N, C-alpha and C. Protein backbone atom coordinates (compact mmCIF):
# COMPACT_ATOMS: atom_id res chain seq x y z
N UNK A 1 71.02 12.57 48.61
CA UNK A 1 70.64 11.69 49.70
C UNK A 1 71.21 12.25 50.99
N UNK A 2 70.40 12.25 52.02
CA UNK A 2 70.85 12.72 53.32
C UNK A 2 71.08 11.53 54.24
N UNK A 3 72.16 11.61 55.01
CA UNK A 3 72.51 10.58 55.98
C UNK A 3 72.23 11.11 57.38
N UNK A 4 71.64 10.28 58.22
CA UNK A 4 71.44 10.63 59.63
C UNK A 4 72.82 10.65 60.28
N UNK A 5 73.33 11.84 60.56
CA UNK A 5 74.70 12.01 61.07
C UNK A 5 74.93 11.28 62.40
N UNK A 6 73.87 11.05 63.16
CA UNK A 6 74.03 10.36 64.45
C UNK A 6 74.31 8.87 64.27
N UNK A 7 74.18 8.36 63.04
CA UNK A 7 74.38 6.92 62.79
C UNK A 7 75.74 6.62 62.15
N UNK A 8 76.55 7.64 61.92
CA UNK A 8 77.85 7.44 61.29
C UNK A 8 78.76 6.66 62.24
N UNK A 9 79.49 5.69 61.69
CA UNK A 9 80.39 4.85 62.47
C UNK A 9 81.77 5.50 62.54
N UNK A 10 82.23 5.70 63.77
CA UNK A 10 83.54 6.31 63.99
C UNK A 10 84.52 5.23 64.45
N UNK A 11 85.80 5.40 64.18
CA UNK A 11 86.42 6.53 63.50
C UNK A 11 86.19 6.45 61.99
N UNK A 12 86.21 7.64 61.35
CA UNK A 12 86.07 7.68 59.90
C UNK A 12 87.31 7.06 59.26
N UNK A 13 87.15 6.41 58.12
CA UNK A 13 88.30 5.76 57.46
C UNK A 13 89.31 6.79 56.94
N UNK A 14 90.57 6.41 56.98
CA UNK A 14 91.67 7.26 56.52
C UNK A 14 92.13 6.83 55.12
N UNK A 15 92.92 7.68 54.49
CA UNK A 15 93.49 7.32 53.18
C UNK A 15 94.31 6.04 53.30
N UNK A 16 95.04 5.91 54.40
CA UNK A 16 95.88 4.72 54.61
C UNK A 16 95.03 3.46 54.69
N UNK A 17 93.88 3.52 55.36
CA UNK A 17 92.99 2.37 55.46
C UNK A 17 92.42 2.02 54.08
N UNK A 18 92.02 3.03 53.30
CA UNK A 18 91.52 2.76 51.95
C UNK A 18 92.59 2.10 51.09
N UNK A 19 93.81 2.59 51.16
CA UNK A 19 94.91 2.02 50.38
C UNK A 19 95.15 0.56 50.77
N UNK A 20 95.12 0.28 52.06
CA UNK A 20 95.32 -1.09 52.54
C UNK A 20 94.21 -2.02 52.03
N UNK A 21 92.97 -1.55 52.08
CA UNK A 21 91.83 -2.36 51.62
C UNK A 21 91.90 -2.59 50.11
N UNK A 22 92.28 -1.56 49.35
CA UNK A 22 92.39 -1.71 47.90
C UNK A 22 93.43 -2.78 47.55
N UNK A 23 94.54 -2.78 48.25
CA UNK A 23 95.57 -3.80 48.00
C UNK A 23 95.04 -5.19 48.34
N UNK A 24 94.36 -5.31 49.46
CA UNK A 24 93.83 -6.60 49.90
C UNK A 24 92.75 -7.11 48.93
N UNK A 25 91.86 -6.20 48.50
CA UNK A 25 90.77 -6.59 47.60
C UNK A 25 91.21 -6.62 46.13
N UNK A 26 92.37 -6.02 45.84
CA UNK A 26 92.92 -5.95 44.47
C UNK A 26 91.98 -5.20 43.53
N UNK A 27 91.51 -4.05 44.00
CA UNK A 27 90.64 -3.17 43.22
C UNK A 27 91.07 -1.72 43.48
N UNK A 28 90.54 -0.82 42.66
CA UNK A 28 90.69 0.61 42.88
C UNK A 28 89.31 1.15 43.18
N UNK A 29 89.11 1.61 44.42
CA UNK A 29 87.81 2.15 44.81
C UNK A 29 87.58 3.49 44.12
N UNK A 30 86.38 3.73 43.62
CA UNK A 30 86.09 5.00 42.96
C UNK A 30 86.20 6.17 43.94
N UNK A 31 86.73 7.30 43.44
CA UNK A 31 86.92 8.48 44.28
C UNK A 31 85.61 8.96 44.90
N UNK A 32 84.51 8.93 44.13
CA UNK A 32 83.24 9.40 44.67
C UNK A 32 82.78 8.53 45.84
N UNK A 33 83.04 7.23 45.77
CA UNK A 33 82.70 6.34 46.87
C UNK A 33 83.59 6.60 48.09
N UNK A 34 84.90 6.75 47.86
CA UNK A 34 85.84 7.04 48.96
C UNK A 34 85.45 8.34 49.66
N UNK A 35 85.16 9.37 48.88
CA UNK A 35 84.76 10.66 49.47
C UNK A 35 83.49 10.52 50.30
N UNK A 36 82.54 9.75 49.79
CA UNK A 36 81.29 9.50 50.52
C UNK A 36 81.57 8.80 51.85
N UNK A 37 82.41 7.77 51.82
CA UNK A 37 82.73 7.00 53.03
C UNK A 37 83.48 7.84 54.06
N UNK A 38 84.33 8.75 53.61
CA UNK A 38 85.09 9.59 54.53
C UNK A 38 84.18 10.50 55.35
N UNK A 39 82.96 10.73 54.86
CA UNK A 39 82.01 11.58 55.58
C UNK A 39 80.86 10.79 56.21
N UNK A 40 80.52 9.64 55.62
CA UNK A 40 79.28 8.94 56.00
C UNK A 40 79.49 7.48 56.36
N UNK A 41 80.64 7.12 56.86
CA UNK A 41 81.02 5.74 57.16
C UNK A 41 79.92 5.01 57.95
N UNK A 42 79.28 4.03 57.32
CA UNK A 42 78.28 3.23 58.00
C UNK A 42 76.98 3.92 58.32
N UNK A 43 76.76 5.10 57.76
CA UNK A 43 75.56 5.87 58.09
C UNK A 43 74.28 5.30 57.50
N UNK A 44 73.17 5.70 58.16
CA UNK A 44 71.85 5.30 57.68
C UNK A 44 71.21 6.46 56.93
N UNK A 45 70.71 6.20 55.72
CA UNK A 45 70.04 7.28 54.98
C UNK A 45 68.72 7.67 55.66
N UNK A 46 68.41 8.96 55.58
CA UNK A 46 67.12 9.43 56.10
C UNK A 46 66.02 8.95 55.15
N UNK A 47 66.24 9.12 53.86
CA UNK A 47 65.37 8.55 52.83
C UNK A 47 66.28 7.76 51.92
N UNK A 48 66.12 6.45 51.88
CA UNK A 48 67.07 5.63 51.14
C UNK A 48 66.43 4.61 50.23
N UNK A 49 65.49 5.05 49.40
CA UNK A 49 64.82 4.12 48.49
C UNK A 49 65.25 4.37 47.05
N UNK A 50 65.30 3.30 46.27
CA UNK A 50 65.60 3.41 44.85
C UNK A 50 64.92 2.27 44.11
N UNK A 51 64.78 2.43 42.80
CA UNK A 51 64.13 1.41 41.98
C UNK A 51 65.18 0.70 41.14
N UNK A 52 64.99 -0.62 41.02
CA UNK A 52 65.90 -1.45 40.24
C UNK A 52 65.18 -2.76 39.96
N UNK A 53 65.30 -3.27 38.73
CA UNK A 53 64.75 -4.57 38.39
C UNK A 53 63.25 -4.67 38.73
N UNK A 54 62.51 -3.62 38.46
CA UNK A 54 61.07 -3.56 38.72
C UNK A 54 60.71 -3.73 40.19
N UNK A 55 61.64 -3.41 41.08
CA UNK A 55 61.40 -3.45 42.52
C UNK A 55 61.81 -2.12 43.13
N UNK A 56 61.24 -1.83 44.28
CA UNK A 56 61.73 -0.70 45.06
C UNK A 56 62.49 -1.27 46.24
N UNK A 57 63.71 -0.80 46.41
CA UNK A 57 64.58 -1.26 47.47
C UNK A 57 64.77 -0.15 48.50
N UNK A 58 64.93 -0.54 49.76
CA UNK A 58 65.18 0.43 50.83
C UNK A 58 66.55 0.14 51.44
N UNK A 59 67.40 1.16 51.49
CA UNK A 59 68.72 1.01 52.11
C UNK A 59 68.55 1.09 53.62
N UNK A 60 68.96 0.04 54.31
CA UNK A 60 68.94 0.04 55.77
C UNK A 60 70.10 0.88 56.30
N UNK A 61 71.32 0.59 55.80
CA UNK A 61 72.49 1.36 56.21
C UNK A 61 73.62 1.06 55.25
N UNK A 62 74.54 2.00 55.15
CA UNK A 62 75.76 1.75 54.41
C UNK A 62 76.70 0.97 55.31
N UNK A 63 77.52 0.14 54.70
CA UNK A 63 78.54 -0.57 55.48
C UNK A 63 79.65 0.41 55.83
N UNK A 64 80.50 0.02 56.75
CA UNK A 64 81.58 0.90 57.20
C UNK A 64 82.93 0.24 56.95
N UNK A 65 83.97 1.01 57.09
CA UNK A 65 85.34 0.50 57.04
C UNK A 65 85.98 0.81 58.38
N UNK A 66 86.45 -0.23 59.05
CA UNK A 66 87.08 -0.08 60.36
C UNK A 66 88.44 -0.77 60.36
N UNK A 67 89.36 -0.20 61.06
CA UNK A 67 90.68 -0.81 61.19
C UNK A 67 90.58 -2.13 61.97
N UNK A 68 89.84 -2.12 63.07
CA UNK A 68 89.66 -3.33 63.89
C UNK A 68 88.16 -3.51 64.20
N UNK A 69 87.43 -4.17 63.32
CA UNK A 69 85.98 -4.33 63.49
C UNK A 69 85.59 -4.98 64.82
N UNK A 70 86.38 -5.92 65.31
CA UNK A 70 86.00 -6.62 66.55
C UNK A 70 86.00 -5.70 67.76
N UNK A 71 86.67 -4.55 67.65
CA UNK A 71 86.73 -3.60 68.77
C UNK A 71 85.63 -2.55 68.70
N UNK A 72 84.71 -2.67 67.75
CA UNK A 72 83.67 -1.66 67.56
C UNK A 72 82.31 -2.35 67.66
N UNK A 73 81.38 -1.71 68.35
CA UNK A 73 80.05 -2.30 68.51
C UNK A 73 79.32 -2.46 67.17
N UNK A 74 79.71 -1.69 66.16
CA UNK A 74 79.10 -1.81 64.83
C UNK A 74 79.98 -2.59 63.86
N UNK A 75 80.94 -3.34 64.40
CA UNK A 75 81.87 -4.10 63.58
C UNK A 75 81.22 -5.10 62.64
N UNK A 76 80.02 -5.57 63.00
CA UNK A 76 79.32 -6.52 62.12
C UNK A 76 78.95 -5.88 60.79
N UNK A 77 78.96 -4.55 60.71
CA UNK A 77 78.64 -3.83 59.48
C UNK A 77 79.89 -3.42 58.70
N UNK A 78 81.05 -3.91 59.10
CA UNK A 78 82.29 -3.61 58.38
C UNK A 78 82.25 -4.31 57.02
N UNK A 79 82.78 -3.65 56.00
CA UNK A 79 82.77 -4.22 54.65
C UNK A 79 83.52 -5.54 54.59
N UNK A 80 84.66 -5.64 55.25
CA UNK A 80 85.42 -6.90 55.25
C UNK A 80 84.68 -8.02 55.96
N UNK A 81 84.03 -7.70 57.07
CA UNK A 81 83.27 -8.71 57.81
C UNK A 81 82.15 -9.26 56.93
N UNK A 82 81.43 -8.36 56.27
CA UNK A 82 80.34 -8.77 55.38
C UNK A 82 80.87 -9.58 54.20
N UNK A 83 81.97 -9.12 53.62
CA UNK A 83 82.58 -9.83 52.49
C UNK A 83 82.98 -11.25 52.90
N UNK A 84 83.54 -11.40 54.08
CA UNK A 84 83.96 -12.72 54.58
C UNK A 84 82.75 -13.65 54.76
N UNK A 85 81.64 -13.10 55.25
CA UNK A 85 80.45 -13.92 55.46
C UNK A 85 79.83 -14.41 54.15
N UNK A 86 79.99 -13.61 53.10
CA UNK A 86 79.31 -13.91 51.83
C UNK A 86 80.25 -14.35 50.71
N UNK A 87 81.54 -14.40 50.96
CA UNK A 87 82.57 -14.44 49.92
C UNK A 87 82.33 -15.41 48.76
N UNK A 88 82.00 -16.65 48.99
CA UNK A 88 81.83 -17.61 47.89
C UNK A 88 80.57 -17.36 47.08
N UNK A 89 79.69 -16.53 47.62
CA UNK A 89 78.46 -16.21 46.90
C UNK A 89 78.58 -14.90 46.13
N UNK A 90 79.75 -14.22 46.27
CA UNK A 90 79.97 -12.93 45.61
C UNK A 90 80.95 -13.02 44.45
N UNK A 91 81.24 -14.21 43.99
CA UNK A 91 82.12 -14.38 42.83
C UNK A 91 81.73 -15.65 42.09
N UNK A 92 82.08 -15.68 40.80
CA UNK A 92 81.92 -16.91 40.03
C UNK A 92 83.28 -17.49 39.67
N UNK A 93 84.33 -16.98 40.34
CA UNK A 93 85.70 -17.40 40.09
C UNK A 93 86.27 -18.08 41.34
N UNK A 94 86.34 -19.39 41.33
CA UNK A 94 86.80 -20.10 42.52
C UNK A 94 88.27 -19.85 42.84
N UNK A 95 89.05 -19.34 41.89
CA UNK A 95 90.46 -19.05 42.11
C UNK A 95 90.72 -17.58 42.45
N UNK A 96 89.66 -16.81 42.66
CA UNK A 96 89.79 -15.38 42.90
C UNK A 96 90.63 -15.08 44.13
N UNK A 97 91.54 -14.12 43.97
CA UNK A 97 92.25 -13.52 45.10
C UNK A 97 91.83 -12.07 45.08
N UNK A 98 91.21 -11.61 46.15
CA UNK A 98 90.68 -10.25 46.21
C UNK A 98 89.16 -10.29 46.24
N UNK A 99 88.55 -9.28 45.61
CA UNK A 99 87.09 -9.18 45.60
C UNK A 99 86.61 -8.91 44.19
N UNK A 100 85.51 -9.52 43.81
CA UNK A 100 84.83 -9.25 42.55
C UNK A 100 83.64 -8.32 42.78
N UNK A 101 82.82 -8.71 43.74
CA UNK A 101 81.61 -7.96 44.08
C UNK A 101 81.75 -7.55 45.54
N UNK A 102 81.79 -6.24 45.78
CA UNK A 102 82.08 -5.70 47.11
C UNK A 102 80.83 -5.07 47.71
N UNK A 103 80.26 -5.64 48.78
CA UNK A 103 79.07 -5.06 49.41
C UNK A 103 79.38 -3.70 50.02
N UNK A 104 78.46 -2.74 49.78
CA UNK A 104 78.65 -1.40 50.35
C UNK A 104 77.45 -0.92 51.16
N UNK A 105 76.29 -1.56 51.01
CA UNK A 105 75.11 -1.14 51.76
C UNK A 105 74.17 -2.33 51.97
N UNK A 106 73.57 -2.36 53.14
CA UNK A 106 72.59 -3.39 53.49
C UNK A 106 71.21 -2.91 53.05
N UNK A 107 70.51 -3.76 52.32
CA UNK A 107 69.15 -3.46 51.93
C UNK A 107 68.18 -4.18 52.85
N UNK A 108 67.00 -3.61 52.99
CA UNK A 108 65.95 -4.26 53.76
C UNK A 108 65.71 -5.64 53.17
N UNK A 109 65.66 -6.67 53.96
CA UNK A 109 65.36 -8.06 53.60
C UNK A 109 66.57 -8.87 53.15
N UNK A 110 67.80 -8.39 53.39
CA UNK A 110 68.96 -9.26 53.21
C UNK A 110 69.78 -9.11 51.95
N UNK A 111 69.34 -8.31 50.99
CA UNK A 111 70.15 -8.07 49.80
C UNK A 111 71.16 -6.97 50.10
N UNK A 112 72.09 -6.73 49.18
CA UNK A 112 73.11 -5.71 49.36
C UNK A 112 73.29 -4.90 48.09
N UNK A 113 73.59 -3.60 48.26
CA UNK A 113 74.11 -2.80 47.15
C UNK A 113 75.60 -3.10 47.12
N UNK A 114 76.14 -3.33 45.91
CA UNK A 114 77.54 -3.72 45.77
C UNK A 114 78.22 -2.96 44.65
N UNK A 115 79.53 -2.84 44.77
CA UNK A 115 80.36 -2.40 43.66
C UNK A 115 80.78 -3.67 42.93
N UNK A 116 80.53 -3.72 41.63
CA UNK A 116 80.81 -4.91 40.83
C UNK A 116 82.05 -4.67 39.96
N UNK A 117 83.16 -5.31 40.34
CA UNK A 117 84.44 -5.14 39.67
C UNK A 117 84.73 -6.24 38.65
N UNK A 118 83.77 -7.08 38.32
CA UNK A 118 84.04 -8.21 37.44
C UNK A 118 84.49 -7.80 36.05
N UNK A 119 83.97 -6.70 35.53
CA UNK A 119 84.35 -6.25 34.19
C UNK A 119 85.51 -5.26 34.20
N UNK A 120 85.67 -4.50 35.29
CA UNK A 120 86.68 -3.46 35.34
C UNK A 120 87.13 -3.27 36.79
N UNK A 121 88.41 -3.51 37.08
CA UNK A 121 88.95 -3.45 38.44
C UNK A 121 89.08 -2.02 38.97
N UNK A 122 88.84 -1.01 38.10
CA UNK A 122 88.97 0.39 38.53
C UNK A 122 87.69 1.19 38.38
N UNK A 123 86.75 0.70 37.61
CA UNK A 123 85.50 1.43 37.37
C UNK A 123 84.31 0.48 37.55
N UNK A 124 83.97 0.19 38.79
CA UNK A 124 82.90 -0.78 39.03
C UNK A 124 81.52 -0.23 38.72
N UNK A 125 80.65 -1.13 38.32
CA UNK A 125 79.23 -0.80 38.22
C UNK A 125 78.62 -0.96 39.61
N UNK A 126 77.46 -0.38 39.82
CA UNK A 126 76.73 -0.54 41.08
C UNK A 126 75.56 -1.48 40.82
N UNK A 127 75.45 -2.50 41.65
CA UNK A 127 74.44 -3.54 41.45
C UNK A 127 73.75 -3.88 42.78
N UNK A 128 72.61 -4.52 42.65
CA UNK A 128 71.97 -5.17 43.80
C UNK A 128 72.39 -6.64 43.73
N UNK A 129 72.90 -7.16 44.84
CA UNK A 129 73.20 -8.59 44.93
C UNK A 129 72.01 -9.23 45.64
N UNK A 130 71.43 -10.24 45.00
CA UNK A 130 70.24 -10.90 45.52
C UNK A 130 70.65 -12.12 46.33
N UNK A 131 70.40 -12.08 47.63
CA UNK A 131 70.84 -13.16 48.51
C UNK A 131 70.04 -14.44 48.33
N UNK A 132 68.77 -14.35 47.97
CA UNK A 132 67.95 -15.56 47.83
C UNK A 132 68.27 -16.34 46.56
N UNK A 133 68.61 -15.64 45.48
CA UNK A 133 68.87 -16.31 44.21
C UNK A 133 70.33 -16.73 44.05
N UNK A 134 71.22 -16.10 44.79
CA UNK A 134 72.66 -16.39 44.65
C UNK A 134 73.02 -17.69 45.35
N UNK A 135 73.98 -18.39 44.77
CA UNK A 135 74.50 -19.62 45.36
C UNK A 135 76.03 -19.54 45.32
N UNK A 136 76.68 -20.53 45.91
CA UNK A 136 78.13 -20.56 45.90
C UNK A 136 78.63 -20.54 44.45
N UNK A 137 79.50 -19.57 44.15
CA UNK A 137 80.08 -19.35 42.82
C UNK A 137 79.03 -19.01 41.75
N UNK A 138 77.85 -18.57 42.18
CA UNK A 138 76.79 -18.17 41.27
C UNK A 138 76.08 -16.92 41.79
N UNK A 139 76.78 -15.76 41.77
CA UNK A 139 76.13 -14.54 42.26
C UNK A 139 75.08 -14.04 41.27
N UNK A 140 73.95 -13.62 41.79
CA UNK A 140 72.90 -13.02 40.97
C UNK A 140 72.84 -11.54 41.34
N UNK A 141 73.06 -10.70 40.32
CA UNK A 141 73.06 -9.25 40.55
C UNK A 141 72.14 -8.57 39.55
N UNK A 142 71.70 -7.37 39.92
CA UNK A 142 70.86 -6.54 39.06
C UNK A 142 71.50 -5.16 38.96
N UNK A 143 71.70 -4.71 37.74
CA UNK A 143 72.36 -3.44 37.47
C UNK A 143 71.53 -2.27 38.01
N UNK A 144 72.23 -1.34 38.70
CA UNK A 144 71.59 -0.09 39.15
C UNK A 144 72.16 1.10 38.39
N UNK A 145 73.52 1.22 38.38
CA UNK A 145 74.15 2.41 37.82
C UNK A 145 75.57 2.12 37.37
N UNK A 146 76.08 2.97 36.47
CA UNK A 146 77.46 2.82 35.99
C UNK A 146 78.49 3.36 36.97
N UNK A 147 78.08 4.27 37.85
CA UNK A 147 79.01 4.86 38.83
C UNK A 147 78.31 5.00 40.18
N UNK A 148 79.12 5.20 41.23
CA UNK A 148 78.55 5.41 42.55
C UNK A 148 77.74 6.72 42.58
N UNK A 149 78.26 7.78 41.96
CA UNK A 149 77.53 9.06 41.93
C UNK A 149 76.18 8.92 41.24
N UNK A 150 76.16 8.16 40.15
CA UNK A 150 74.89 7.93 39.45
C UNK A 150 73.92 7.16 40.37
N UNK A 151 74.44 6.20 41.11
CA UNK A 151 73.60 5.46 42.07
C UNK A 151 73.01 6.42 43.10
N UNK A 152 73.86 7.25 43.70
CA UNK A 152 73.40 8.19 44.74
C UNK A 152 72.30 9.10 44.20
N UNK A 153 72.44 9.51 42.94
CA UNK A 153 71.44 10.39 42.34
C UNK A 153 70.08 9.70 42.16
N UNK A 154 70.05 8.37 42.16
CA UNK A 154 68.81 7.61 42.01
C UNK A 154 68.11 7.34 43.34
N UNK A 155 68.81 7.58 44.45
CA UNK A 155 68.23 7.31 45.76
C UNK A 155 67.33 8.48 46.16
N UNK A 156 66.09 8.14 46.51
CA UNK A 156 65.11 9.17 46.89
C UNK A 156 64.87 9.18 48.37
């Protein structure tokens, strides 16, 4: 998959920022995802379509990681900002501290590609989170891939 380099959100995330986010979310982000974000933070794919659940989805843009989202014109695309807006719809655990389903990319029409940590806090699956079908404490997701690299290989 190729990313339009002119759409990358700066500054690029640092190891320290990733470590801070992992502690806050109580997950271990996959190395392939971290490496991707260090080069393509918030970027828009040139060709970003994939098939899942008998649908074709188009990636509008990947979310970004920013130290201070409010100080950046693209702060609305920060992973934490998005997580905060959707939080009760991204878990089925009302006592959750951290993140279960972490949005990583905006899809055309309001859905998101997410890392799903519900089964494994260190090896998330990649899923589509459906915004229309999901409700508070009732997230509806569709499996895409077992790893981020496998997901990237499916994007055309």
